[in-house]
Amino acid sequence: MMNQSFKYHRLVLGYHGCDKSVADRVLKGNDELKKSVKYYDWLGGGIYFWEHGPERAQEWAMKQKKLGKIKTPAILGAVIHLGNCFDFMDVRYTRVLKDAYPQFEQYCRDHGKELPVNEASSDQDDDLLLRKLDCSMINWLCKFVEGEQMGNFDSVRGMFREAKPAFPRSSIHLKSHIQLAIRNSACILGYFRPT
């Protein structure tokens, strides 16, 4: 019997950059990908994938090697059912974000918390890669609306314009991508090694 939250009929391929040892263990069924819970994650907590973006995942893994965070860059492909998806490419959900933001501000005030701010990771970062505000808002909102009329969210999906324009005066950017944060690991139907 299909999980009620899996009525959102969308299967996608996702790509995750990681160390080869992690990819090997996951493919053998000896390990699982871990949810990211960093305070600056773009889509809140979850297992992160680039939708239909193997080259972007590989690029990210290569950068992690240069930073000394992984030894051997690899990418892991996954077949993902988005389930009940908080999809920011659908105006239904961007309206929810817009309408809920004043409540999030009030929540921060009521709890004596400073409102987070998206920040640059370096002087060359024009994209504000440390998405502290976005992450806090999405995590709070998922908790706030879960169990109410929208049910629990299995995934969060968003499109991001990143890096410099592809050519002068273009609105197409070099690293634009669709990113997924999988909150419910049951959405990951299987893994594969991209060729």
Protein backbone atom coordinates (compact mmCIF):
# COMPACT_ATOMS: atom_id res chain seq x y z
CA MET A 1 0.00 0.00 0.00
CA MET A 2 1.41 3.39 -0.97
CA ASN A 3 2.24 5.84 1.79
CA GLN A 4 -0.42 8.58 1.81
CA SER A 5 2.25 11.26 1.54
CA PHE A 6 3.56 9.68 -1.67
CA LYS A 7 0.53 10.84 -3.66
CA TYR A 8 2.65 13.66 -5.13
CA HIS A 9 3.46 11.79 -8.31
CA ARG A 10 6.93 12.94 -9.21
CA LEU A 11 9.98 10.76 -9.65
CA VAL A 12 13.31 12.49 -10.19
CA LEU A 13 16.95 11.55 -10.45
CA GLY A 14 19.14 13.20 -7.86
CA TYR A 15 22.92 13.33 -7.55
CA HIS A 16 24.88 13.58 -4.31
CA GLY A 17 28.56 14.52 -4.12
CA CYS A 18 30.53 12.60 -1.51
CA ASP A 19 33.68 10.59 -0.82
CA LYS A 20 34.04 7.37 -2.82
CA SER A 21 34.11 5.33 0.39
CA VAL A 22 30.65 6.67 1.32
CA ALA A 23 29.27 5.97 -2.17
CA ASP A 24 30.67 2.42 -2.07
CA ARG A 25 29.14 1.69 1.36
CA VAL A 26 25.73 3.09 0.37
CA LEU A 27 25.68 1.14 -2.91
CA LYS A 28 26.50 -2.09 -1.02
CA GLY A 29 23.70 -1.38 1.46
CA ASN A 30 26.16 -1.02 4.34
CA ASP A 31 25.42 2.64 5.06
CA GLU A 32 22.90 5.43 4.47
CA LEU A 33 23.41 9.04 3.51
CA LYS A 34 23.11 11.29 6.54
CA LYS A 35 20.80 14.27 6.80
CA SER A 36 22.54 17.61 6.83
CA VAL A 37 21.56 19.79 9.77
CA LYS A 38 23.87 22.74 9.18
CA TYR A 39 22.47 26.10 10.24
CA TYR A 40 23.02 27.50 6.73
CA ASP A 41 21.54 24.70 4.56
CA TRP A 42 19.64 26.27 1.71
CA LEU A 43 16.47 24.17 2.08
CA GLY A 44 16.62 23.31 5.76
CA GLY A 45 17.56 19.91 7.12
CA GLY A 46 17.68 16.88 4.84
CA ILE A 47 19.74 14.67 2.56
CA TYR A 48 20.88 16.93 -0.27
CA PHE A 49 20.81 16.17 -4.00
CA TRP A 50 21.10 18.12 -7.22
CA GLU A 51 18.10 17.23 -9.37
CA HIS A 52 19.32 15.95 -12.74
CA GLY A 53 22.75 17.52 -12.04
CA PRO A 54 25.55 14.93 -11.97
CA GLU A 55 28.19 17.41 -13.15
CA ARG A 56 27.24 19.86 -10.40
CA ALA A 57 27.50 17.10 -7.79
CA GLN A 58 30.93 16.13 -9.14
CA GLU A 59 32.07 19.75 -9.09
CA TRP A 60 30.96 20.07 -5.47
CA ALA A 61 32.80 16.86 -4.49
CA MET A 62 35.97 18.11 -6.19
CA LYS A 63 35.74 21.36 -4.23
CA GLN A 64 35.36 19.38 -1.00
CA LYS A 65 38.57 17.51 -1.84
CA LYS A 66 40.44 20.79 -2.32
CA LEU A 67 39.14 21.89 1.08
CA GLY A 68 40.44 18.64 2.60
CA LYS A 69 36.95 17.45 3.59
CA ILE A 70 36.94 14.31 1.43
CA LYS A 71 39.69 12.11 0.06
CA THR A 72 38.35 10.72 -3.23
CA PRO A 73 35.50 12.66 -4.91
CA ALA A 74 32.56 10.60 -6.15
CA ILE A 75 28.91 11.04 -7.03
CA LEU A 76 26.01 8.87 -6.07
CA GLY A 77 22.84 8.81 -8.14
CA ALA A 78 19.42 8.18 -6.63
CA VAL A 79 15.90 7.57 -7.84
CA ILE A 80 13.73 9.76 -5.64
CA HIS A 81 9.98 9.96 -5.14
CA LEU A 82 9.38 13.48 -3.85
CA GLY A 83 6.38 12.44 -1.73
CA ASN A 84 4.68 15.37 -0.02
CA CYS A 85 7.01 18.00 -1.44
CA PHE A 86 7.39 21.57 -0.20
CA ASP A 87 8.12 22.67 -3.76
CA PHE A 88 9.31 26.25 -4.15
CA MET A 89 8.88 25.99 -7.90
CA ASP A 90 5.12 25.95 -7.27
CA VAL A 91 3.48 29.27 -6.35
CA ARG A 92 1.28 27.48 -3.82
CA TYR A 93 4.34 26.98 -1.60
CA THR A 94 6.10 30.28 -2.25
CA ARG A 95 2.87 31.98 -1.13
CA VAL A 96 2.98 29.89 2.06
CA LEU A 97 6.52 31.17 2.68
CA LYS A 98 5.52 34.78 2.06
CA ASP A 99 2.44 34.56 4.26
CA ALA A 100 4.24 32.75 7.11
CA TYR A 101 7.28 35.04 7.30
CA PRO A 102 5.68 37.64 9.66
CA GLN A 103 4.79 34.76 12.02
CA PHE A 104 8.40 33.56 11.89
CA GLU A 105 9.61 37.07 12.78
CA GLN A 106 7.17 37.12 15.71
CA TYR A 107 8.30 33.64 16.80
CA CYS A 108 11.92 34.86 16.91
CA ARG A 109 10.93 37.93 18.95
CA ASP A 110 8.79 35.89 21.36
CA HIS A 111 11.65 33.47 21.98
CA GLY A 112 14.34 36.14 22.30
CA LYS A 113 16.10 34.94 19.17
CA GLU A 114 17.86 37.23 16.74
CA LEU A 115 16.43 36.98 13.23
CA PRO A 116 19.01 35.07 11.15
CA VAL A 117 20.55 36.71 8.08
CA ASN A 118 21.80 35.13 4.86
CA GLU A 119 25.53 35.86 4.59
CA ALA A 120 28.40 35.66 2.13
CA SER A 121 30.94 32.89 2.69
CA SER A 122 33.80 35.05 1.34
CA ASP A 123 34.51 38.42 -0.26
CA GLN A 124 33.87 36.88 -3.69
CA ASP A 125 30.49 35.40 -2.70
CA ASP A 126 27.74 37.45 -4.36
CA ASP A 127 25.21 34.63 -3.83
CA LEU A 128 25.05 34.73 -0.01
CA LEU A 129 25.90 31.03 0.21
CA LEU A 130 25.37 30.82 3.98
CA ARG A 131 21.57 30.75 3.92
CA LYS A 132 20.95 31.08 7.66
CA LEU A 133 17.64 32.92 7.30
CA ASP A 134 16.30 30.58 4.61
CA CYS A 135 17.32 27.49 6.59
CA SER A 136 15.78 28.71 9.85
CA MET A 137 12.58 29.82 8.17
CA ILE A 138 12.12 26.55 6.25
CA ASN A 139 12.88 24.36 9.29
CA TRP A 140 10.51 26.39 11.46
CA LEU A 141 7.79 26.41 8.81
CA CYS A 142 8.01 22.67 8.20
CA LYS A 143 7.50 22.08 11.94
CA PHE A 144 4.77 24.72 12.08
CA VAL A 145 2.65 23.34 9.23
CA GLU A 146 3.40 19.63 9.65
CA GLY A 147 0.48 17.75 11.04
CA GLU A 148 -1.88 20.56 10.07
CA GLN A 149 -3.55 20.85 6.66
CA MET A 150 -0.35 20.12 4.70
CA GLY A 151 0.80 16.97 6.50
CA ASN A 152 4.46 16.07 7.00
CA PHE A 153 6.87 17.14 4.29
CA ASP A 154 8.95 14.35 2.78
CA SER A 155 11.09 16.69 0.67
CA VAL A 156 11.85 20.33 -0.05
CA ARG A 157 12.67 21.43 -3.60
CA GLY A 158 13.96 24.74 -4.88
CA MET A 159 15.59 26.33 -7.90
CA PHE A 160 18.60 28.53 -7.29
CA ARG A 161 20.34 31.03 -9.52
CA GLU A 162 24.00 30.89 -8.62
CA ALA A 163 27.32 32.33 -9.81
CA LYS A 164 28.00 34.82 -12.60
CA PRO A 165 25.78 35.26 -15.68
CA ALA A 166 26.56 32.83 -18.50
CA PHE A 167 27.09 35.79 -20.85
CA PRO A 168 26.79 39.60 -20.56
CA ARG A 169 23.34 40.85 -19.40
CA SER A 170 22.01 37.29 -19.18
CA SER A 171 19.61 36.07 -16.51
CA ILE A 172 21.03 32.57 -16.99
CA HIS A 173 23.73 31.89 -14.41
CA LEU A 174 26.61 29.43 -14.61
CA LYS A 175 25.68 27.32 -11.58
CA SER A 176 21.89 27.57 -11.54
CA HIS A 177 20.36 24.34 -10.32
CA ILE A 178 17.45 22.55 -8.73
CA GLN A 179 18.28 21.33 -5.26
CA LEU A 180 16.47 18.76 -3.15
CA ALA A 181 16.50 18.26 0.60
CA ILE A 182 15.04 14.84 1.34
CA ARG A 183 13.54 14.88 4.84
CA ASN A 184 12.09 11.35 4.67
CA SER A 185 14.71 8.82 3.56
CA ALA A 186 11.92 6.45 2.43
CA CYS A 187 11.63 8.77 -0.61
CA ILE A 188 14.96 7.43 -1.86
CA LEU A 189 13.85 4.39 -3.84
CA GLY A 190 17.33 3.26 -4.85
CA TYR A 191 20.89 4.30 -5.59
CA PHE A 192 23.10 3.90 -8.64
CA ARG A 193 26.62 4.80 -9.74
CA PRO A 194 26.46 7.33 -12.58
CA THR A 195 28.65 6.47 -15.55
